[in-house]
Amino acid sequence: VNFATELRAALTKGVREALKDEGVYDPKVFMNAGKKYVAETV
């Protein structure tokens, strides 16, 4: 079974949430936020 769109959406959701904090600019921070949602989906 193939899954694509839901993983992209999960990563993006986490990144968007992290970037609501204007003090966040480190990719390691906002990408880790995205990874958490991807893990839940997987």
PDB file of all heavy atoms in Angstrom:
ATOM      1  N   VAL A   1       0.847  -1.184   0.000  1.00  0.00           N
ATOM      2  CA  VAL A   1       0.000   0.000   0.000  1.00  0.00           C
ATOM      3  C   VAL A   1       0.884   1.237   0.000  1.00  0.00           C
ATOM      4  O   VAL A   1       1.774   1.373   0.851  1.00  0.00           O
ATOM      5  CB  VAL A   1      -0.952   0.034   1.217  1.00  0.00           C
ATOM      6  CG1 VAL A   1      -1.860   1.259   1.147  1.00  0.00           C
ATOM      7  CG2 VAL A   1      -1.790  -1.241   1.290  1.00  0.00           C
ATOM      8  N   ASN A   2       0.646   2.143  -0.958  1.00  0.00           N
ATOM      9  CA  ASN A   2       1.454   3.348  -1.106  1.00  0.00           C
ATOM     10  C   ASN A   2       0.844   4.537  -0.376  1.00  0.00           C
ATOM     11  O   ASN A   2      -0.357   4.804  -0.506  1.00  0.00           O
ATOM     12  CB  ASN A   2       1.566   3.727  -2.591  1.00  0.00           C
ATOM     13  CG  ASN A   2       2.442   2.770  -3.376  1.00  0.00           C
ATOM     14  OD1 ASN A   2       2.773   1.692  -2.918  1.00  0.00           O
ATOM     15  ND2 ASN A   2       2.808   3.183  -4.578  1.00  0.00           N
ATOM     16  N   PHE A   3       1.698   5.270   0.359  1.00  0.00           N
ATOM     17  CA  PHE A   3       1.280   6.491   1.044  1.00  0.00           C
ATOM     18  C   PHE A   3       2.267   7.607   0.698  1.00  0.00           C
ATOM     19  O   PHE A   3       3.469   7.450   0.889  1.00  0.00           O
ATOM     20  CB  PHE A   3       1.250   6.300   2.557  1.00  0.00           C
ATOM     21  CG  PHE A   3       0.301   5.221   3.021  1.00  0.00           C
ATOM     22  CD1 PHE A   3       0.765   3.951   3.342  1.00  0.00           C
ATOM     23  CD2 PHE A   3      -1.056   5.482   3.124  1.00  0.00           C
ATOM     24  CE1 PHE A   3      -0.100   2.964   3.779  1.00  0.00           C
ATOM     25  CE2 PHE A   3      -1.935   4.495   3.551  1.00  0.00           C
ATOM     26  CZ  PHE A   3      -1.461   3.230   3.886  1.00  0.00           C
ATOM     27  N   ALA A   4       1.744   8.731   0.216  1.00  0.00           N
ATOM     28  CA  ALA A   4       2.610   9.847  -0.141  1.00  0.00           C
ATOM     29  C   ALA A   4       2.082  11.162   0.416  1.00  0.00           C
ATOM     30  O   ALA A   4       2.725  11.828   1.219  1.00  0.00           O
ATOM     31  CB  ALA A   4       2.761   9.938  -1.662  1.00  0.00           C
ATOM     32  N   THR A   5       0.882  11.544  -0.012  1.00  0.00           N
ATOM     33  CA  THR A   5       0.344  12.862   0.317  1.00  0.00           C
ATOM     34  C   THR A   5       0.241  13.091   1.820  1.00  0.00           C
ATOM     35  O   THR A   5       0.566  14.173   2.322  1.00  0.00           O
ATOM     36  CB  THR A   5      -1.047  13.039  -0.333  1.00  0.00           C
ATOM     37  OG1 THR A   5      -0.925  12.817  -1.740  1.00  0.00           O
ATOM     38  CG2 THR A   5      -1.580  14.442  -0.094  1.00  0.00           C
ATOM     39  N   GLU A   6      -0.201  12.077   2.564  1.00  0.00           N
ATOM     40  CA  GLU A   6      -0.367  12.246   4.009  1.00  0.00           C
ATOM     41  C   GLU A   6       0.968  12.497   4.709  1.00  0.00           C
ATOM     42  O   GLU A   6       1.023  13.235   5.707  1.00  0.00           O
ATOM     43  CB  GLU A   6      -1.059  11.027   4.607  1.00  0.00           C
ATOM     44  CG  GLU A   6      -2.552  11.012   4.347  1.00  0.00           C
ATOM     45  CD  GLU A   6      -3.244   9.802   4.960  1.00  0.00           C
ATOM     46  OE1 GLU A   6      -3.170   8.723   4.348  1.00  0.00           O
ATOM     47  OE2 GLU A   6      -3.847   9.954   6.029  1.00  0.00           O
ATOM     48  N   LEU A   7       2.049  11.915   4.206  1.00  0.00           N
ATOM     49  CA  LEU A   7       3.351  12.172   4.818  1.00  0.00           C
ATOM     50  C   LEU A   7       3.822  13.592   4.541  1.00  0.00           C
ATOM     51  O   LEU A   7       4.367  14.261   5.420  1.00  0.00           O
ATOM     52  CB  LEU A   7       4.392  11.164   4.299  1.00  0.00           C
ATOM     53  CG  LEU A   7       4.611   9.948   5.207  1.00  0.00           C
ATOM     54  CD1 LEU A   7       3.381   9.049   5.197  1.00  0.00           C
ATOM     55  CD2 LEU A   7       5.846   9.182   4.788  1.00  0.00           C
ATOM     56  N   ARG A   8       3.605  14.058   3.323  1.00  0.00           N
ATOM     57  CA  ARG A   8       3.980  15.440   2.997  1.00  0.00           C
ATOM     58  C   ARG A   8       3.202  16.414   3.868  1.00  0.00           C
ATOM     59  O   ARG A   8       3.751  17.399   4.388  1.00  0.00           O
ATOM     60  CB  ARG A   8       3.701  15.719   1.519  1.00  0.00           C
ATOM     61  CG  ARG A   8       4.570  14.923   0.564  1.00  0.00           C
ATOM     62  CD  ARG A   8       4.106  15.092  -0.867  1.00  0.00           C
ATOM     63  NE  ARG A   8       4.861  14.236  -1.779  1.00  0.00           N
ATOM     64  CZ  ARG A   8       4.370  13.724  -2.881  1.00  0.00           C
ATOM     65  NH1 ARG A   8       3.114  13.961  -3.237  1.00  0.00           N
ATOM     66  NH2 ARG A   8       5.114  12.966  -3.669  1.00  0.00           N
ATOM     67  N   ALA A   9       1.902  16.150   4.007  1.00  0.00           N
ATOM     68  CA  ALA A   9       1.051  17.027   4.816  1.00  0.00           C
ATOM     69  C   ALA A   9       1.479  16.998   6.278  1.00  0.00           C
ATOM     70  O   ALA A   9       1.462  18.027   6.967  1.00  0.00           O
ATOM     71  CB  ALA A   9      -0.407  16.606   4.679  1.00  0.00           C
ATOM     72  N   ALA A  10       1.863  15.829   6.777  1.00  0.00           N
ATOM     73  CA  ALA A  10       2.286  15.707   8.176  1.00  0.00           C
ATOM     74  C   ALA A  10       3.554  16.506   8.436  1.00  0.00           C
ATOM     75  O   ALA A  10       3.655  17.233   9.440  1.00  0.00           O
ATOM     76  CB  ALA A  10       2.512  14.231   8.517  1.00  0.00           C
ATOM     77  N   LEU A  11       4.527  16.384   7.543  1.00  0.00           N
ATOM     78  CA  LEU A  11       5.774  17.132   7.704  1.00  0.00           C
ATOM     79  C   LEU A  11       5.499  18.630   7.683  1.00  0.00           C
ATOM     80  O   LEU A  11       5.996  19.390   8.531  1.00  0.00           O
ATOM     81  CB  LEU A  11       6.753  16.763   6.595  1.00  0.00           C
ATOM     82  CG  LEU A  11       8.140  17.406   6.730  1.00  0.00           C
ATOM     83  CD1 LEU A  11       8.948  16.698   7.804  1.00  0.00           C
ATOM     84  CD2 LEU A  11       8.889  17.378   5.400  1.00  0.00           C
ATOM     85  N   THR A  12       4.686  19.048   6.735  1.00  0.00           N
ATOM     86  CA  THR A  12       4.379  20.472   6.585  1.00  0.00           C
ATOM     87  C   THR A  12       3.640  21.020   7.802  1.00  0.00           C
ATOM     88  O   THR A  12       3.886  22.144   8.243  1.00  0.00           O
ATOM     89  CB  THR A  12       3.546  20.704   5.315  1.00  0.00           C
ATOM     90  OG1 THR A  12       4.278  20.199   4.185  1.00  0.00           O
ATOM     91  CG2 THR A  12       3.268  22.184   5.097  1.00  0.00           C
ATOM     92  N   LYS A  13       2.744  20.220   8.358  1.00  0.00           N
ATOM     93  CA  LYS A  13       1.989  20.645   9.538  1.00  0.00           C
ATOM     94  C   LYS A  13       2.930  20.978  10.692  1.00  0.00           C
ATOM     95  O   LYS A  13       2.802  22.027  11.343  1.00  0.00           O
ATOM     96  CB  LYS A  13       1.009  19.548   9.956  1.00  0.00           C
ATOM     97  CG  LYS A  13       0.188  19.894  11.195  1.00  0.00           C
ATOM     98  CD  LYS A  13      -0.753  18.743  11.571  1.00  0.00           C
ATOM     99  CE  LYS A  13      -1.547  19.077  12.824  1.00  0.00           C
ATOM    100  NZ  LYS A  13      -2.441  17.954  13.223  1.00  0.00           N
ATOM    101  N   GLY A  14       3.869  20.105  10.946  1.00  0.00           N
ATOM    102  CA  GLY A  14       4.808  20.335  12.037  1.00  0.00           C
ATOM    103  C   GLY A  14       5.682  21.546  11.801  1.00  0.00           C
ATOM    104  O   GLY A  14       5.935  22.338  12.721  1.00  0.00           O
ATOM    105  N   VAL A  15       6.144  21.709  10.579  1.00  0.00           N
ATOM    106  CA  VAL A  15       6.995  22.854  10.242  1.00  0.00           C
ATOM    107  C   VAL A  15       6.218  24.158  10.416  1.00  0.00           C
ATOM    108  O   VAL A  15       6.725  25.139  10.993  1.00  0.00           O
ATOM    109  CB  VAL A  15       7.539  22.716   8.804  1.00  0.00           C
ATOM    110  CG1 VAL A  15       8.216  24.010   8.367  1.00  0.00           C
ATOM    111  CG2 VAL A  15       8.509  21.548   8.712  1.00  0.00           C
ATOM    112  N   ARG A  16       4.993  24.194   9.933  1.00  0.00           N
ATOM    113  CA  ARG A  16       4.179  25.403  10.057  1.00  0.00           C
ATOM    114  C   ARG A  16       3.943  25.774  11.516  1.00  0.00           C
ATOM    115  O   ARG A  16       4.000  26.947  11.885  1.00  0.00           O
ATOM    116  CB  ARG A  16       2.844  25.206   9.336  1.00  0.00           C
ATOM    117  CG  ARG A  16       2.943  25.346   7.826  1.00  0.00           C
ATOM    118  CD  ARG A  16       1.597  25.179   7.174  1.00  0.00           C
ATOM    119  NE  ARG A  16       1.675  25.438   5.736  1.00  0.00           N
ATOM    120  CZ  ARG A  16       0.929  24.835   4.831  1.00  0.00           C
ATOM    121  NH1 ARG A  16       0.014  23.948   5.201  1.00  0.00           N
ATOM    122  NH2 ARG A  16       1.058  25.129   3.550  1.00  0.00           N
ATOM    123  N   GLU A  17       3.652  24.769  12.325  1.00  0.00           N
ATOM    124  CA  GLU A  17       3.417  25.035  13.746  1.00  0.00           C
ATOM    125  C   GLU A  17       4.667  25.616  14.401  1.00  0.00           C
ATOM    126  O   GLU A  17       4.594  26.578  15.170  1.00  0.00           O
ATOM    127  CB  GLU A  17       2.990  23.755  14.468  1.00  0.00           C
ATOM    128  CG  GLU A  17       1.570  23.332  14.148  1.00  0.00           C
ATOM    129  CD  GLU A  17       1.133  22.122  14.957  1.00  0.00           C
ATOM    130  OE1 GLU A  17       1.935  21.625  15.787  1.00  0.00           O
ATOM    131  OE2 GLU A  17      -0.012  21.664  14.758  1.00  0.00           O
ATOM    132  N   ALA A  18       5.814  25.041  14.087  1.00  0.00           N
ATOM    133  CA  ALA A  18       7.063  25.513  14.686  1.00  0.00           C
ATOM    134  C   ALA A  18       7.388  26.941  14.257  1.00  0.00           C
ATOM    135  O   ALA A  18       7.870  27.755  15.055  1.00  0.00           O
ATOM    136  CB  ALA A  18       8.211  24.576  14.312  1.00  0.00           C
ATOM    137  N   LEU A  19       7.089  27.263  13.006  1.00  0.00           N
ATOM    138  CA  LEU A  19       7.444  28.585  12.472  1.00  0.00           C
ATOM    139  C   LEU A  19       6.480  29.687  12.898  1.00  0.00           C
ATOM    140  O   LEU A  19       6.700  30.855  12.582  1.00  0.00           O
ATOM    141  CB  LEU A  19       7.543  28.518  10.944  1.00  0.00           C
ATOM    142  CG  LEU A  19       8.745  27.719  10.415  1.00  0.00           C
ATOM    143  CD1 LEU A  19       8.711  27.652   8.898  1.00  0.00           C
ATOM    144  CD2 LEU A  19      10.062  28.314  10.900  1.00  0.00           C
ATOM    145  N   LYS A  20       5.428  29.329  13.628  1.00  0.00           N
ATOM    146  CA  LYS A  20       4.582  30.372  14.202  1.00  0.00           C
ATOM    147  C   LYS A  20       5.360  31.182  15.232  1.00  0.00           C
ATOM    148  O   LYS A  20       5.044  32.351  15.492  1.00  0.00           O
ATOM    149  CB  LYS A  20       3.349  29.738  14.862  1.00  0.00           C
ATOM    150  CG  LYS A  20       2.324  29.215  13.871  1.00  0.00           C
ATOM    151  CD  LYS A  20       1.151  28.561  14.596  1.00  0.00           C
ATOM    152  CE  LYS A  20       0.148  27.996  13.599  1.00  0.00           C
ATOM    153  NZ  LYS A  20      -0.963  27.280  14.302  1.00  0.00           N
ATOM    154  N   ASP A  21       6.360  30.549  15.820  1.00  0.00           N
ATOM    155  CA  ASP A  21       7.266  31.233  16.728  1.00  0.00           C
ATOM    156  C   ASP A  21       8.331  31.937  15.887  1.00  0.00           C
ATOM    157  O   ASP A  21       9.177  31.286  15.271  1.00  0.00           O
ATOM    158  CB  ASP A  21       7.909  30.219  17.676  1.00  0.00           C
ATOM    159  CG  ASP A  21       8.871  30.864  18.669  1.00  0.00           C
ATOM    160  OD1 ASP A  21       9.205  32.050  18.510  1.00  0.00           O
ATOM    161  OD2 ASP A  21       9.299  30.146  19.598  1.00  0.00           O
ATOM    162  N   GLU A  22       8.275  33.243  15.840  1.00  0.00           N
ATOM    163  CA  GLU A  22       9.200  34.002  14.990  1.00  0.00           C
ATOM    164  C   GLU A  22      10.648  33.871  15.438  1.00  0.00           C
ATOM    165  O   GLU A  22      11.568  34.245  14.699  1.00  0.00           O
ATOM    166  CB  GLU A  22       8.787  35.472  14.943  1.00  0.00           C
ATOM    167  CG  GLU A  22       7.441  35.688  14.246  1.00  0.00           C
ATOM    168  CD  GLU A  22       7.089  37.158  14.108  1.00  0.00           C
ATOM    169  OE1 GLU A  22       7.907  38.005  14.528  1.00  0.00           O
ATOM    170  OE2 GLU A  22       6.003  37.447  13.584  1.00  0.00           O
ATOM    171  N   GLY A  23      10.854  33.347  16.636  1.00  0.00           N
ATOM    172  CA  GLY A  23      12.215  33.143  17.103  1.00  0.00           C
ATOM    173  C   GLY A  23      12.844  31.870  16.562  1.00  0.00           C
ATOM    174  O   GLY A  23      14.037  31.641  16.739  1.00  0.00           O
ATOM    175  N   VAL A  24      12.041  31.036  15.905  1.00  0.00           N
ATOM    176  CA  VAL A  24      12.559  29.795  15.333  1.00  0.00           C
ATOM    177  C   VAL A  24      13.072  30.053  13.921  1.00  0.00           C
ATOM    178  O   VAL A  24      12.334  30.530  13.057  1.00  0.00           O
ATOM    179  CB  VAL A  24      11.461  28.706  15.300  1.00  0.00           C
ATOM    180  CG1 VAL A  24      11.939  27.488  14.510  1.00  0.00           C
ATOM    181  CG2 VAL A  24      11.080  28.293  16.713  1.00  0.00           C
ATOM    182  N   TYR A  25      14.327  29.777  13.709  1.00  0.00           N
ATOM    183  CA  TYR A  25      14.920  29.939  12.375  1.00  0.00           C
ATOM    184  C   TYR A  25      15.871  28.792  12.028  1.00  0.00           C
ATOM    185  O   TYR A  25      16.354  28.680  10.904  1.00  0.00           O
ATOM    186  CB  TYR A  25      15.681  31.275  12.270  1.00  0.00           C
ATOM    187  CG  TYR A  25      16.782  31.418  13.296  1.00  0.00           C
ATOM    188  CD1 TYR A  25      18.058  30.915  13.059  1.00  0.00           C
ATOM    189  CD2 TYR A  25      16.534  32.031  14.522  1.00  0.00           C
ATOM    190  CE1 TYR A  25      19.055  31.033  14.004  1.00  0.00           C
ATOM    191  CE2 TYR A  25      17.531  32.148  15.477  1.00  0.00           C
ATOM    192  CZ  TYR A  25      18.788  31.649  15.213  1.00  0.00           C
ATOM    193  OH  TYR A  25      19.785  31.756  16.165  1.00  0.00           O
ATOM    194  N   ASP A  26      16.131  27.929  12.998  1.00  0.00           N
ATOM    195  CA  ASP A  26      17.054  26.811  12.802  1.00  0.00           C
ATOM    196  C   ASP A  26      16.300  25.649  12.147  1.00  0.00           C
ATOM    197  O   ASP A  26      15.341  25.128  12.724  1.00  0.00           O
ATOM    198  CB  ASP A  26      17.602  26.377  14.151  1.00  0.00           C
ATOM    199  CG  ASP A  26      18.682  25.303  14.044  1.00  0.00           C
ATOM    200  OD1 ASP A  26      18.746  24.631  12.992  1.00  0.00           O
ATOM    201  OD2 ASP A  26      19.444  25.131  15.013  1.00  0.00           O
ATOM    202  N   PRO A  27      16.717  25.221  10.957  1.00  0.00           N
ATOM    203  CA  PRO A  27      16.031  24.108  10.291  1.00  0.00           C
ATOM    204  C   PRO A  27      15.953  22.850  11.145  1.00  0.00           C
ATOM    205  O   PRO A  27      15.001  22.081  11.031  1.00  0.00           O
ATOM    206  CB  PRO A  27      16.871  23.869   9.030  1.00  0.00           C
ATOM    207  CG  PRO A  27      17.506  25.186   8.756  1.00  0.00           C
ATOM    208  CD  PRO A  27      17.791  25.777  10.108  1.00  0.00           C
ATOM    209  N   LYS A  28      16.947  22.642  12.016  1.00  0.00           N
ATOM    210  CA  LYS A  28      16.909  21.447  12.863  1.00  0.00           C
ATOM    211  C   LYS A  28      15.702  21.486  13.791  1.00  0.00           C
ATOM    212  O   LYS A  28      15.120  20.451  14.115  1.00  0.00           O
ATOM    213  CB  LYS A  28      18.198  21.340  13.677  1.00  0.00           C
ATOM    214  CG  LYS A  28      19.454  21.103  12.848  1.00  0.00           C
ATOM    215  CD  LYS A  28      20.662  20.831  13.705  1.00  0.00           C
ATOM    216  CE  LYS A  28      21.106  22.039  14.510  1.00  0.00           C
ATOM    217  NZ  LYS A  28      21.563  23.171  13.672  1.00  0.00           N
ATOM    218  N   VAL A  29      15.318  22.673  14.213  1.00  0.00           N
ATOM    219  CA  VAL A  29      14.180  22.815  15.116  1.00  0.00           C
ATOM    220  C   VAL A  29      12.873  22.563  14.385  1.00  0.00           C
ATOM    221  O   VAL A  29      12.049  21.744  14.799  1.00  0.00           O
ATOM    222  CB  VAL A  29      14.164  24.210  15.774  1.00  0.00           C
ATOM    223  CG1 VAL A  29      12.889  24.394  16.604  1.00  0.00           C
ATOM    224  CG2 VAL A  29      15.405  24.407  16.635  1.00  0.00           C
ATOM    225  N   PHE A  30      12.659  23.269  13.267  1.00  0.00           N
ATOM    226  CA  PHE A  30      11.350  23.116  12.620  1.00  0.00           C
ATOM    227  C   PHE A  30      11.210  21.801  11.854  1.00  0.00           C
ATOM    228  O   PHE A  30      10.120  21.259  11.729  1.00  0.00           O
ATOM    229  CB  PHE A  30      10.975  24.325  11.754  1.00  0.00           C
ATOM    230  CG  PHE A  30      11.888  24.682  10.617  1.00  0.00           C
ATOM    231  CD1 PHE A  30      11.919  23.934   9.452  1.00  0.00           C
ATOM    232  CD2 PHE A  30      12.679  25.830  10.687  1.00  0.00           C
ATOM    233  CE1 PHE A  30      12.728  24.288   8.383  1.00  0.00           C
ATOM    234  CE2 PHE A  30      13.492  26.199   9.616  1.00  0.00           C
ATOM    235  CZ  PHE A  30      13.525  25.428   8.464  1.00  0.00           C
ATOM    236  N   MET A  31      12.326  21.235  11.379  1.00  0.00           N
ATOM    237  CA  MET A  31      12.215  19.941  10.721  1.00  0.00           C
ATOM    238  C   MET A  31      11.956  18.832  11.735  1.00  0.00           C
ATOM    239  O   MET A  31      11.231  17.871  11.458  1.00  0.00           O
ATOM    240  CB  MET A  31      13.471  19.637   9.913  1.00  0.00           C
ATOM    241  CG  MET A  31      13.654  20.529   8.689  1.00  0.00           C
ATOM    242  SD  MET A  31      12.239  20.545   7.561  1.00  0.00           S
ATOM    243  CE  MET A  31      12.269  18.892   6.929  1.00  0.00           C
ATOM    244  N   ASN A  32      12.522  18.944  12.928  1.00  0.00           N
ATOM    245  CA  ASN A  32      12.224  17.962  13.968  1.00  0.00           C
ATOM    246  C   ASN A  32      10.757  18.001  14.353  1.00  0.00           C
ATOM    247  O   ASN A  32      10.155  16.959  14.648  1.00  0.00           O
ATOM    248  CB  ASN A  32      13.095  18.206  15.205  1.00  0.00           C
ATOM    249  CG  ASN A  32      14.387  17.411  15.167  1.00  0.00           C
ATOM    250  OD1 ASN A  32      14.416  16.294  14.684  1.00  0.00           O
ATOM    251  ND2 ASN A  32      15.462  17.996  15.677  1.00  0.00           N
ATOM    252  N   ALA A  33      10.168  19.188  14.334  1.00  0.00           N
ATOM    253  CA  ALA A  33       8.734  19.305  14.617  1.00  0.00           C
ATOM    254  C   ALA A  33       7.931  18.569  13.549  1.00  0.00           C
ATOM    255  O   ALA A  33       6.937  17.891  13.856  1.00  0.00           O
ATOM    256  CB  ALA A  33       8.336  20.779  14.669  1.00  0.00           C
ATOM    257  N   GLY A  34       8.357  18.685  12.302  1.00  0.00           N
ATOM    258  CA  GLY A  34       7.685  17.978  11.215  1.00  0.00           C
ATOM    259  C   GLY A  34       7.854  16.480  11.325  1.00  0.00           C
ATOM    260  O   GLY A  34       6.915  15.708  11.079  1.00  0.00           O
ATOM    261  N   LYS A  35       9.032  16.036  11.733  1.00  0.00           N
ATOM    262  CA  LYS A  35       9.309  14.606  11.850  1.00  0.00           C
ATOM    263  C   LYS A  35       8.389  13.921  12.865  1.00  0.00           C
ATOM    264  O   LYS A  35       8.005  12.767  12.685  1.00  0.00           O
ATOM    265  CB  LYS A  35      10.777  14.382  12.227  1.00  0.00           C
ATOM    266  CG  LYS A  35      11.746  14.622  11.087  1.00  0.00           C
ATOM    267  CD  LYS A  35      13.183  14.709  11.549  1.00  0.00           C
ATOM    268  CE  LYS A  35      13.754  13.386  11.967  1.00  0.00           C
ATOM    269  NZ  LYS A  35      15.211  13.480  12.273  1.00  0.00           N
ATOM    270  N   LYS A  36       8.021  14.639  13.903  1.00  0.00           N
ATOM    271  CA  LYS A  36       7.130  14.050  14.917  1.00  0.00           C
ATOM    272  C   LYS A  36       5.785  13.664  14.310  1.00  0.00           C
ATOM    273  O   LYS A  36       5.238  12.597  14.596  1.00  0.00           O
ATOM    274  CB  LYS A  36       6.933  15.032  16.067  1.00  0.00           C
ATOM    275  CG  LYS A  36       8.178  15.251  16.914  1.00  0.00           C
ATOM    276  CD  LYS A  36       7.931  16.278  18.007  1.00  0.00           C
ATOM    277  CE  LYS A  36       9.214  16.529  18.805  1.00  0.00           C
ATOM    278  NZ  LYS A  36       9.012  17.577  19.842  1.00  0.00           N
ATOM    279  N   TYR A  37       5.262  14.533  13.455  1.00  0.00           N
ATOM    280  CA  TYR A  37       3.974  14.232  12.818  1.00  0.00           C
ATOM    281  C   TYR A  37       4.110  13.115  11.784  1.00  0.00           C
ATOM    282  O   TYR A  37       3.203  12.297  11.610  1.00  0.00           O
ATOM    283  CB  TYR A  37       3.394  15.494  12.176  1.00  0.00           C
ATOM    284  CG  TYR A  37       2.758  16.433  13.173  1.00  0.00           C
ATOM    285  CD1 TYR A  37       3.403  17.595  13.561  1.00  0.00           C
ATOM    286  CD2 TYR A  37       1.519  16.151  13.735  1.00  0.00           C
ATOM    287  CE1 TYR A  37       2.828  18.463  14.487  1.00  0.00           C
ATOM    288  CE2 TYR A  37       0.931  17.003  14.651  1.00  0.00           C
ATOM    289  CZ  TYR A  37       1.588  18.154  15.030  1.00  0.00           C
ATOM    290  OH  TYR A  37       1.016  19.000  15.953  1.00  0.00           O
ATOM    291  N   VAL A  38       5.238  13.073  11.089  1.00  0.00           N
ATOM    292  CA  VAL A  38       5.468  11.985  10.131  1.00  0.00           C
ATOM    293  C   VAL A  38       5.523  10.654  10.868  1.00  0.00           C
ATOM    294  O   VAL A  38       4.937   9.657  10.421  1.00  0.00           O
ATOM    295  CB  VAL A  38       6.766  12.219   9.326  1.00  0.00           C
ATOM    296  CG1 VAL A  38       7.078  10.999   8.454  1.00  0.00           C
ATOM    297  CG2 VAL A  38       6.647  13.460   8.456  1.00  0.00           C
ATOM    298  N   ALA A  39       6.190  10.622  12.006  1.00  0.00           N
ATOM    299  CA  ALA A  39       6.286   9.391  12.789  1.00  0.00           C
ATOM    300  C   ALA A  39       4.907   8.891  13.206  1.00  0.00           C
ATOM    301  O   ALA A  39       4.617   7.688  13.129  1.00  0.00           O
ATOM    302  CB  ALA A  39       7.152   9.623  14.031  1.00  0.00           C
ATOM    303  N   GLU A  40       4.042   9.807  13.617  1.00  0.00           N
ATOM    304  CA  GLU A  40       2.682   9.419  14.006  1.00  0.00           C
ATOM    305  C   GLU A  40       1.936   8.797  12.825  1.00  0.00           C
ATOM    306  O   GLU A  40       1.231   7.790  12.973  1.00  0.00           O
ATOM    307  CB  GLU A  40       1.912  10.645  14.511  1.00  0.00           C
ATOM    308  CG  GLU A  40       2.406  11.174  15.854  1.00  0.00           C
ATOM    309  CD  GLU A  40       1.686  12.447  16.257  1.00  0.00           C
ATOM    310  OE1 GLU A  40       0.732  12.852  15.544  1.00  0.00           O
ATOM    311  OE2 GLU A  40       2.076  13.046  17.282  1.00  0.00           O
ATOM    312  N   THR A  41       2.097   9.397  11.658  1.00  0.00           N
ATOM    313  CA  THR A  41       1.432   8.892  10.457  1.00  0.00           C
ATOM    314  C   THR A  41       1.952   7.504  10.090  1.00  0.00           C
ATOM    315  O   THR A  41       1.176   6.594   9.777  1.00  0.00           O
ATOM    316  CB  THR A  41       1.641   9.866   9.282  1.00  0.00           C
ATOM    317  OG1 THR A  41       1.144  11.161   9.644  1.00  0.00           O
ATOM    318  CG2 THR A  41       0.930   9.385   8.031  1.00  0.00           C
ATOM    319  N   VAL A  42       3.256   7.343  10.128  1.00  0.00           N
ATOM    320  CA  VAL A  42       3.863   6.056   9.782  1.00  0.00           C
ATOM    321  C   VAL A  42       3.406   4.959  10.742  1.00  0.00           C
ATOM    322  O   VAL A  42       3.047   3.849  10.319  1.00  0.00           O
ATOM    323  CB  VAL A  42       5.403   6.165   9.774  1.00  0.00           C
ATOM    324  CG1 VAL A  42       6.056   4.786   9.653  1.00  0.00           C
ATOM    325  CG2 VAL A  42       5.857   7.066   8.619  1.00  0.00           C
TER     326      VAL A  42
END
